[in-house]
């Protein structure tokens, strides 16, 4: 902690650096106490340590659940100074007694409260959700910022996000993003246009700028109006078709069902595995949850037969209940609707000419999915399909939820 309460009830914030004389004077001048649990605190400082307060004895302080690294201490201090420099009403390590929580920074803007949480270590999802709900219960909007050094970058536009890091995804289903900050470089960043191909692997754009050049009023990332990852997506999809079976387990119900339905990863229809708007809400890869829909709904339908949207959604919910399709936990995302990606996929299938809508949410099968017999045929069909449907695929990812 960077703040503490003195014996006379006033608050003190430690400076960024302490000389030996300053440290001696501060230790001898008064006692220091935790603003949350009111137990005694001591100052810890040294050549390798950021000056900070710590509980004198092992404490079960309910507002202090994790040790703080120098990286975290630097981060919340520099973010606090940034808000203050832009004339925001900000309080460092603000304790909120009604919910027994201590926000890294509590910011007031237009009479609204925001709890800034700079998170550098992994905490249980239950704790993340509990803290988020607690803030919201007091009409305080939580802003979760991930320590930038935790982001795993695999290539220019390819990253790996853990289930914990997915919790930080903010914004809306149309425009999700993730805040990051590095106190060592003083760079503030946003990971946007997040496009998951697998459970952890995502395509995304990382934009950053020096904190000194940014204003807290104008840091929201620009909305993405195109889909720049289509070629990379196709490469990943082809790799999945050729290699996924090598790591498949016999106990995996997905590959068992592929076998039962006379399918294999190498010969899966090209209409399966389409990047769809809002699909990041589903943890199961798009190529797998769309394959489930094909096996449950489309494969058994003949030309001229009807497909109801409620029928498709019924099968989707059933697979979710069985655990065949898994959803992502996105506690701070606004406007979530996990069925939107399914509806958007059906809309795409209609646009490329496989079904035609009649009455509301009722479709007639006008063309059947093509099941290739060899991997070479699959690649030929894939090339033709993506060349012909390129604009519709891009529209399926960007615009469907805006219609």
Protein backbone atom coordinates (compact mmCIF):
# COMPACT_ATOMS: atom_id res chain seq x y z
CA UNK A 1 0.00 0.00 0.00
CA UNK A 2 1.11 3.53 -0.73
CA UNK A 3 -1.24 5.24 1.73
CA UNK A 4 -1.81 4.96 5.45
CA UNK A 5 -3.49 6.79 8.31
CA UNK A 6 -1.41 8.62 10.91
CA UNK A 7 -2.12 8.68 14.64
CA UNK A 8 -3.92 12.03 14.34
CA UNK A 9 -6.32 10.62 11.73
CA UNK A 10 -4.78 12.34 8.73
CA UNK A 11 -3.70 10.42 5.65
CA UNK A 12 -0.24 10.15 4.18
CA UNK A 13 0.98 8.94 0.80
CA UNK A 14 4.55 7.77 0.54
CA UNK A 15 6.79 9.55 -1.98
CA UNK A 16 8.23 7.62 -4.90
CA UNK A 17 11.69 7.67 -3.30
CA UNK A 18 12.85 7.85 0.30
CA UNK A 19 16.35 8.77 1.47
CA UNK A 20 17.72 7.16 4.60
CA UNK A 21 17.18 10.37 6.60
CA UNK A 22 13.61 10.79 5.33
CA UNK A 23 12.83 7.20 6.24
CA UNK A 24 14.25 7.62 9.74
CA UNK A 25 12.24 10.82 10.35
CA UNK A 26 9.02 9.28 9.10
CA UNK A 27 9.43 6.18 11.26
CA UNK A 28 10.11 8.21 14.41
CA UNK A 29 7.51 10.93 13.91
CA UNK A 30 4.27 8.95 14.28
CA UNK A 31 2.58 5.59 14.02
CA UNK A 32 0.83 4.43 10.86
CA UNK A 33 -2.36 2.43 10.56
CA UNK A 34 -4.29 0.63 7.84
CA UNK A 35 -7.28 2.73 6.71
CA UNK A 36 -9.23 -0.47 6.23
CA UNK A 37 -8.64 -2.66 9.28
CA UNK A 38 -6.96 0.01 11.48
CA UNK A 39 -4.11 -2.29 12.50
CA UNK A 40 -0.55 -0.97 12.74
CA UNK A 41 1.54 -0.66 9.61
CA UNK A 42 5.26 -0.25 8.96
CA UNK A 43 7.19 1.39 6.14
CA UNK A 44 9.19 -0.87 3.87
CA UNK A 45 11.82 0.74 1.66
CA UNK A 46 15.28 0.11 0.30
CA UNK A 47 17.43 0.32 -2.76
CA UNK A 48 15.54 -2.50 -4.44
CA UNK A 49 12.08 -1.76 -3.05
CA UNK A 50 9.41 0.77 -3.90
CA UNK A 51 8.54 2.53 -0.60
CA UNK A 52 5.26 1.11 0.67
CA UNK A 53 3.29 0.33 3.81
CA UNK A 54 2.74 -3.20 5.04
CA UNK A 55 0.83 -4.64 7.99
CA UNK A 56 3.18 -5.02 10.96
CA UNK A 57 1.81 -8.43 11.76
CA UNK A 58 0.30 -10.99 9.42
CA UNK A 59 -3.09 -9.52 8.83
CA UNK A 60 -6.39 -10.92 7.62
CA UNK A 61 -7.34 -7.45 6.37
CA UNK A 62 -10.36 -8.02 4.13
CA UNK A 63 -9.39 -5.16 1.82
CA UNK A 64 -5.86 -6.44 1.22
CA UNK A 65 -6.09 -9.85 -0.40
CA UNK A 66 -2.86 -10.10 -2.35
CA UNK A 67 0.79 -9.01 -2.10
CA UNK A 68 1.78 -6.05 -4.26
CA UNK A 69 4.74 -6.05 -6.62
CA UNK A 70 6.85 -3.01 -7.42
CA UNK A 71 5.29 -3.11 -10.89
CA UNK A 72 1.81 -2.79 -9.39
CA UNK A 73 2.80 -0.06 -6.96
CA UNK A 74 4.41 1.96 -9.75
CA UNK A 75 1.41 1.41 -11.98
CA UNK A 76 -1.27 2.67 -9.66
CA UNK A 77 0.88 5.64 -8.57
CA UNK A 78 1.53 6.81 -12.15
CA UNK A 79 -2.08 6.26 -13.17
CA UNK A 80 -3.23 8.26 -10.13
CA UNK A 81 -0.83 11.10 -11.00
CA UNK A 82 -2.13 11.01 -14.57
CA UNK A 83 -5.73 11.52 -13.46
CA UNK A 84 -4.72 14.32 -11.08
CA UNK A 85 -2.67 16.03 -13.81
CA UNK A 86 -5.85 16.22 -15.90
CA UNK A 87 -7.80 17.78 -13.00
CA UNK A 88 -9.79 14.69 -12.12
CA UNK A 89 -10.97 14.18 -8.58
CA UNK A 90 -9.00 11.06 -7.73
CA UNK A 91 -8.24 9.19 -4.51
CA UNK A 92 -5.38 6.72 -4.28
CA UNK A 93 -6.20 3.41 -2.55
CA UNK A 94 -9.67 4.57 -1.61
CA UNK A 95 -11.39 2.38 0.95
CA UNK A 96 -15.15 1.92 0.49
CA UNK A 97 -16.49 0.71 3.86
CA UNK A 98 -19.96 -0.23 2.61
CA UNK A 99 -18.52 -3.03 0.49
CA UNK A 100 -15.22 -3.48 2.39
CA UNK A 101 -13.18 -2.94 -0.78
CA UNK A 102 -10.13 -0.83 -1.51
CA UNK A 103 -9.93 0.47 -5.07
CA UNK A 104 -6.50 1.20 -6.49
CA UNK A 105 -7.86 4.57 -7.58
CA UNK A 106 -11.33 6.04 -7.11
CA UNK A 107 -12.13 8.66 -9.75
CA UNK A 108 -15.09 11.06 -9.89
CA UNK A 109 -16.26 12.32 -13.27
CA UNK A 110 -19.50 14.25 -13.76
CA UNK A 111 -20.66 13.03 -10.32
CA UNK A 112 -20.11 9.40 -11.34
CA UNK A 113 -17.65 7.15 -9.55
CA UNK A 114 -15.15 4.86 -11.25
CA UNK A 115 -12.97 2.27 -9.51
CA UNK A 116 -9.69 1.87 -11.38
CA UNK A 117 -8.20 -1.57 -10.78
CA UNK A 118 -4.68 -2.13 -12.14
CA UNK A 119 -4.30 -5.90 -11.97
CA UNK A 120 -0.86 -7.49 -12.34
CA UNK A 121 -1.36 -10.88 -10.72
CA UNK A 122 -3.88 -13.61 -11.36
CA UNK A 123 -6.76 -13.79 -8.93
CA UNK A 124 -9.61 -16.33 -8.86
CA UNK A 125 -12.46 -15.60 -11.24
CA UNK A 126 -14.85 -15.70 -8.27
CA UNK A 127 -12.93 -12.86 -6.61
CA UNK A 128 -12.83 -10.83 -9.83
CA UNK A 129 -16.59 -11.22 -10.24
CA UNK A 130 -17.28 -10.51 -6.55
CA UNK A 131 -15.28 -7.28 -6.64
CA UNK A 132 -17.00 -6.22 -9.86
CA UNK A 133 -20.46 -6.87 -8.42
CA UNK A 134 -19.56 -5.09 -5.19
CA UNK A 135 -18.57 -1.91 -7.05
CA UNK A 136 -21.68 -2.01 -9.20
CA UNK A 137 -23.86 -2.42 -6.10
CA UNK A 138 -22.69 1.06 -5.01
CA UNK A 139 -23.13 2.58 -8.51
CA UNK A 140 -19.36 2.54 -9.00
CA UNK A 141 -18.20 1.53 -12.47
CA UNK A 142 -15.15 -0.77 -12.32
CA UNK A 143 -12.41 -0.16 -14.89
CA UNK A 144 -10.08 -3.14 -14.98
CA UNK A 145 -6.63 -2.56 -16.51
CA UNK A 146 -4.28 -5.47 -17.13
CA UNK A 147 -0.56 -5.22 -16.49
CA UNK A 148 0.88 -5.07 -20.03
CA UNK A 149 3.78 -7.42 -19.32
CA UNK A 150 1.29 -10.25 -18.83
CA UNK A 151 0.14 -10.08 -22.47
CA UNK A 152 1.58 -12.93 -24.54
CA UNK A 153 2.25 -11.79 -28.09
CA UNK A 154 2.86 -14.57 -30.61
CA UNK A 155 3.19 -12.46 -33.77
CA UNK A 156 2.27 -8.99 -35.03
CA UNK A 157 -1.48 -9.58 -34.78
CA UNK A 158 -1.67 -12.86 -32.89
CA UNK A 159 -1.93 -13.15 -29.11
CA UNK A 160 -2.71 -15.68 -26.42
CA UNK A 161 -5.35 -14.77 -23.82
CA UNK A 162 -5.94 -16.87 -20.72
CA UNK A 163 -9.40 -17.32 -19.23
CA UNK A 164 -8.37 -14.79 -16.56
CA UNK A 165 -7.34 -12.19 -19.13
CA UNK A 166 -10.64 -12.62 -20.96
CA UNK A 167 -12.35 -11.31 -17.80
CA UNK A 168 -10.89 -7.86 -18.59
CA UNK A 169 -12.60 -7.54 -21.97
CA UNK A 170 -14.58 -4.30 -21.92
CA UNK A 171 -16.73 -2.30 -24.33
CA UNK A 172 -19.66 -3.85 -26.15
CA UNK A 173 -20.34 -6.98 -28.18
CA UNK A 174 -19.86 -4.90 -31.32
CA UNK A 175 -16.57 -3.37 -30.21
CA UNK A 176 -14.81 -5.33 -27.44
CA UNK A 177 -11.39 -4.30 -26.21
CA UNK A 178 -8.97 -4.83 -23.35
CA UNK A 179 -7.03 -2.10 -21.48
CA UNK A 180 -3.33 -2.57 -20.71
CA UNK A 181 -0.73 -0.41 -19.01
CA UNK A 182 3.03 -0.68 -18.49
CA UNK A 183 4.43 1.56 -15.71
CA UNK A 184 7.99 0.80 -16.77
CA UNK A 185 7.52 2.37 -20.20
CA UNK A 186 4.54 4.57 -19.23
CA UNK A 187 2.66 3.21 -22.22
CA UNK A 188 -1.13 2.85 -22.19
CA UNK A 189 -2.55 0.34 -24.67
CA UNK A 190 -5.74 -1.20 -25.99
CA UNK A 191 -6.12 -4.64 -27.52
CA UNK A 192 -9.02 -4.29 -29.96
CA UNK A 193 -10.74 -6.14 -32.79
CA UNK A 194 -10.34 -9.28 -30.69
CA UNK A 195 -11.02 -12.30 -32.90
CA UNK A 196 -10.62 -15.71 -31.23
CA UNK A 197 -9.81 -18.73 -33.36
CA UNK A 198 -9.31 -21.11 -30.45
CA UNK A 199 -9.86 -21.11 -26.70
CA UNK A 200 -6.75 -18.97 -26.11
CA UNK A 201 -5.46 -17.94 -29.51
CA UNK A 202 -6.79 -14.64 -30.87
CA UNK A 203 -6.14 -12.25 -33.72
CA UNK A 204 -6.19 -8.63 -32.54
CA UNK A 205 -4.79 -5.15 -33.04
CA UNK A 206 -2.62 -3.66 -30.30
CA UNK A 207 -2.49 0.14 -30.19
CA UNK A 208 -0.47 2.07 -27.63
CA UNK A 209 0.70 5.59 -26.80
CA UNK A 210 2.71 7.32 -24.08
CA UNK A 211 0.53 8.14 -21.09
CA UNK A 212 1.73 11.76 -21.26
CA UNK A 213 0.12 12.19 -24.70
CA UNK A 214 -3.26 10.82 -23.67
CA UNK A 215 -6.21 12.34 -21.85
CA UNK A 216 -8.53 10.21 -19.70
CA UNK A 217 -11.38 11.83 -21.63
CA UNK A 218 -10.26 10.45 -24.98
CA UNK A 219 -8.73 6.99 -24.58
CA UNK A 220 -11.47 4.73 -25.94
CA UNK A 221 -10.10 2.90 -29.00
CA UNK A 222 -11.58 3.63 -32.39
CA UNK A 223 -14.19 1.22 -33.63
CA UNK A 224 -12.98 -1.31 -36.18
CA UNK A 225 -14.85 -1.01 -39.46
CA UNK A 226 -13.10 -3.80 -41.33
CA UNK A 227 -11.84 -7.33 -40.79
CA UNK A 228 -8.08 -7.36 -41.42
CA UNK A 229 -7.46 -10.96 -40.40
CA UNK A 230 -9.25 -12.95 -43.11
CA UNK A 231 -6.11 -14.38 -44.73
CA UNK A 232 -4.66 -15.30 -41.33
CA UNK A 233 -8.01 -16.82 -40.35
CA UNK A 234 -8.03 -19.00 -43.48
CA UNK A 235 -4.48 -20.17 -42.76
CA UNK A 236 -5.45 -21.16 -39.22
CA UNK A 237 -8.57 -22.90 -40.46
CA UNK A 238 -6.61 -24.94 -43.00
CA UNK A 239 -4.09 -25.88 -40.30
CA UNK A 240 -6.96 -27.01 -38.05
CA UNK A 241 -8.39 -29.17 -40.83
CA UNK A 242 -5.06 -30.89 -41.48
CA UNK A 243 -3.63 -31.16 -37.96
CA UNK A 244 -6.39 -31.00 -35.33
CA UNK A 245 -7.06 -34.71 -35.51
CA UNK A 246 -3.46 -35.37 -34.36
CA UNK A 247 -4.24 -33.97 -30.90
CA UNK A 248 -7.81 -35.25 -30.68
CA UNK A 249 -8.73 -37.53 -27.81
CA UNK A 250 -10.94 -40.56 -28.25
CA UNK A 251 -13.00 -39.39 -25.32
CA UNK A 252 -13.72 -36.04 -27.00
CA UNK A 253 -17.46 -36.05 -27.86
CA UNK A 254 -16.91 -33.62 -30.74
CA UNK A 255 -14.64 -35.95 -32.71
CA UNK A 256 -16.82 -38.93 -31.84
CA UNK A 257 -19.84 -37.09 -33.31
CA UNK A 258 -17.84 -36.15 -36.43
CA UNK A 259 -17.14 -39.85 -36.94
CA UNK A 260 -20.78 -40.82 -36.36
CA UNK A 261 -21.84 -38.22 -38.95
CA UNK A 262 -19.25 -39.46 -41.49
CA UNK A 263 -17.13 -36.33 -41.19
CA UNK A 264 -13.52 -35.63 -40.40
CA UNK A 265 -11.57 -32.40 -39.73
CA UNK A 266 -9.85 -32.75 -43.12
CA UNK A 267 -13.16 -32.90 -45.01
CA UNK A 268 -15.36 -30.59 -42.96
CA UNK A 269 -17.65 -28.40 -45.12
CA UNK A 270 -16.12 -25.02 -46.01
CA UNK A 271 -19.24 -23.24 -44.75
CA UNK A 272 -18.19 -24.22 -41.23
CA UNK A 273 -15.63 -22.13 -39.36
CA UNK A 274 -16.76 -18.64 -40.35
CA UNK A 275 -15.70 -15.58 -38.29
CA UNK A 276 -18.96 -14.16 -36.98
CA UNK A 277 -19.87 -10.99 -35.14
CA UNK A 278 -20.03 -11.55 -31.36
CA UNK A 279 -18.47 -15.03 -31.52
CA UNK A 280 -15.89 -14.16 -28.83
CA UNK A 281 -18.68 -14.75 -26.30
CA UNK A 282 -18.38 -18.47 -27.09
CA UNK A 283 -15.24 -20.16 -25.77
CA UNK A 284 -15.60 -23.18 -28.04
CA UNK A 285 -13.86 -22.42 -31.37
CA UNK A 286 -16.16 -21.22 -34.15
CA UNK A 287 -15.28 -24.16 -36.37
CA UNK A 288 -16.49 -26.54 -33.64
CA UNK A 289 -19.70 -24.85 -32.49
CA UNK A 290 -20.73 -24.27 -36.11
CA UNK A 291 -20.00 -27.95 -36.82
CA UNK A 292 -22.33 -28.88 -33.94
CA UNK A 293 -25.08 -26.79 -35.56
CA UNK A 294 -24.45 -28.46 -38.89
CA UNK A 295 -24.65 -31.96 -37.41
CA UNK A 296 -27.69 -31.16 -35.27
CA UNK A 297 -29.68 -29.14 -37.83
CA UNK A 298 -28.43 -28.72 -41.38
CA UNK A 299 -27.08 -32.18 -42.21
CA UNK A 300 -30.48 -33.85 -41.84
CA UNK A 301 -32.44 -31.26 -43.83
CA UNK A 302 -33.40 -31.81 -47.45
CA UNK A 303 -34.01 -29.17 -50.11
CA UNK A 304 -37.32 -27.41 -49.49
CA UNK A 305 -37.54 -28.37 -45.82
CA UNK A 306 -38.00 -25.73 -43.11
CA UNK A 307 -35.57 -24.61 -40.45
CA UNK A 308 -36.84 -22.51 -37.55
CA UNK A 309 -34.54 -20.14 -35.71
CA UNK A 310 -35.96 -21.44 -32.43
CA UNK A 311 -34.97 -24.95 -33.53
CA UNK A 312 -31.38 -23.85 -34.10
CA UNK A 313 -31.28 -22.03 -30.77
CA UNK A 314 -32.77 -25.07 -29.01
CA UNK A 315 -29.92 -27.26 -30.25
CA UNK A 316 -27.36 -24.61 -29.33
CA UNK A 317 -28.72 -24.34 -25.77
CA UNK A 318 -28.81 -28.13 -25.49
CA UNK A 319 -25.13 -28.37 -26.45
CA UNK A 320 -24.29 -25.64 -23.93
CA UNK A 321 -26.16 -27.52 -21.20
CA UNK A 322 -24.27 -30.73 -22.04
CA UNK A 323 -20.96 -28.90 -22.00
CA UNK A 324 -20.23 -29.58 -25.67
CA UNK A 325 -20.26 -25.84 -26.33
CA UNK A 326 -18.71 -23.63 -23.66
CA UNK A 327 -19.36 -19.93 -23.10
CA UNK A 328 -16.87 -17.30 -21.94
CA UNK A 329 -17.12 -15.42 -18.68
CA UNK A 330 -17.14 -11.70 -19.59
CA UNK A 331 -18.31 -9.92 -16.42
CA UNK A 332 -17.58 -6.31 -17.48
CA UNK A 333 -18.74 -6.52 -21.10
CA UNK A 334 -21.88 -4.52 -21.88
CA UNK A 335 -24.89 -5.82 -23.80
CA UNK A 336 -24.02 -9.52 -23.78
CA UNK A 337 -26.22 -11.95 -25.71
CA UNK A 338 -24.55 -15.32 -26.27
CA UNK A 339 -27.16 -16.32 -28.86
CA UNK A 340 -26.33 -13.40 -31.16
CA UNK A 341 -23.39 -15.22 -32.79
CA UNK A 342 -25.70 -18.14 -33.60
CA UNK A 343 -28.30 -15.82 -35.14
CA UNK A 344 -25.56 -14.04 -37.06
CA UNK A 345 -24.27 -17.34 -38.42
CA UNK A 346 -27.75 -18.26 -39.64
CA UNK A 347 -28.01 -14.82 -41.25
CA UNK A 348 -24.71 -15.47 -43.03
CA UNK A 349 -25.87 -18.89 -44.26
CA UNK A 350 -28.95 -17.16 -45.66
CA UNK A 351 -26.90 -14.46 -47.38
CA UNK A 352 -24.63 -16.95 -49.15
CA UNK A 353 -27.69 -18.74 -50.48
CA UNK A 354 -28.17 -21.92 -48.47
CA UNK A 355 -31.47 -20.96 -46.86
CA UNK A 356 -34.17 -18.39 -47.62
CA UNK A 357 -36.27 -16.62 -45.01
CA UNK A 358 -40.03 -16.74 -45.41
CA UNK A 359 -42.06 -15.91 -42.36
CA UNK A 360 -40.23 -14.35 -39.43
CA UNK A 361 -37.41 -16.63 -38.28
CA UNK A 362 -38.52 -19.44 -40.59
CA UNK A 363 -36.17 -20.53 -43.37
CA UNK A 364 -36.39 -22.89 -46.33
CA UNK A 365 -33.37 -24.95 -47.36
CA UNK A 366 -32.39 -23.89 -50.89
CA UNK A 367 -28.91 -25.44 -51.07
CA UNK A 368 -27.09 -28.05 -49.05
CA UNK A 369 -23.61 -27.83 -47.58
CA UNK A 370 -21.01 -29.54 -49.74
CA UNK A 371 -19.14 -32.32 -47.95
CA UNK A 372 -15.81 -32.96 -49.72
CA UNK A 373 -14.56 -36.50 -50.03
CA UNK A 374 -10.84 -35.72 -49.92
CA UNK A 375 -8.64 -33.08 -48.30
CA UNK A 376 -7.57 -31.84 -51.75
CA UNK A 377 -11.17 -31.32 -52.76
CA UNK A 378 -11.76 -29.52 -49.45
CA UNK A 379 -8.94 -27.05 -50.19
CA UNK A 380 -10.25 -26.43 -53.72
CA UNK A 381 -13.76 -25.78 -52.43
CA UNK A 382 -12.35 -23.56 -49.67
CA UNK A 383 -10.53 -21.37 -52.17
CA UNK A 384 -13.60 -20.98 -54.39
CA UNK A 385 -15.90 -20.31 -51.43
CA UNK A 386 -13.75 -17.61 -49.82
CA UNK A 387 -13.10 -15.84 -53.13
CA UNK A 388 -16.80 -15.78 -53.90
CA UNK A 389 -17.98 -14.93 -50.39
CA UNK A 390 -15.17 -12.61 -49.18
CA UNK A 391 -17.32 -9.50 -48.79
CA UNK A 392 -20.15 -11.43 -47.15
CA UNK A 393 -17.73 -13.03 -44.66
CA UNK A 394 -16.30 -9.62 -43.75
CA UNK A 395 -19.83 -8.27 -43.35
CA UNK A 396 -20.75 -11.25 -41.17
CA UNK A 397 -17.97 -10.33 -38.75
CA UNK A 398 -18.35 -6.55 -38.71
CA UNK A 399 -21.86 -5.45 -39.49
CA UNK A 400 -24.57 -8.01 -38.68
CA UNK A 401 -25.19 -6.76 -35.15
CA UNK A 402 -25.49 -3.20 -36.48
CA UNK A 403 -28.28 -4.00 -38.93
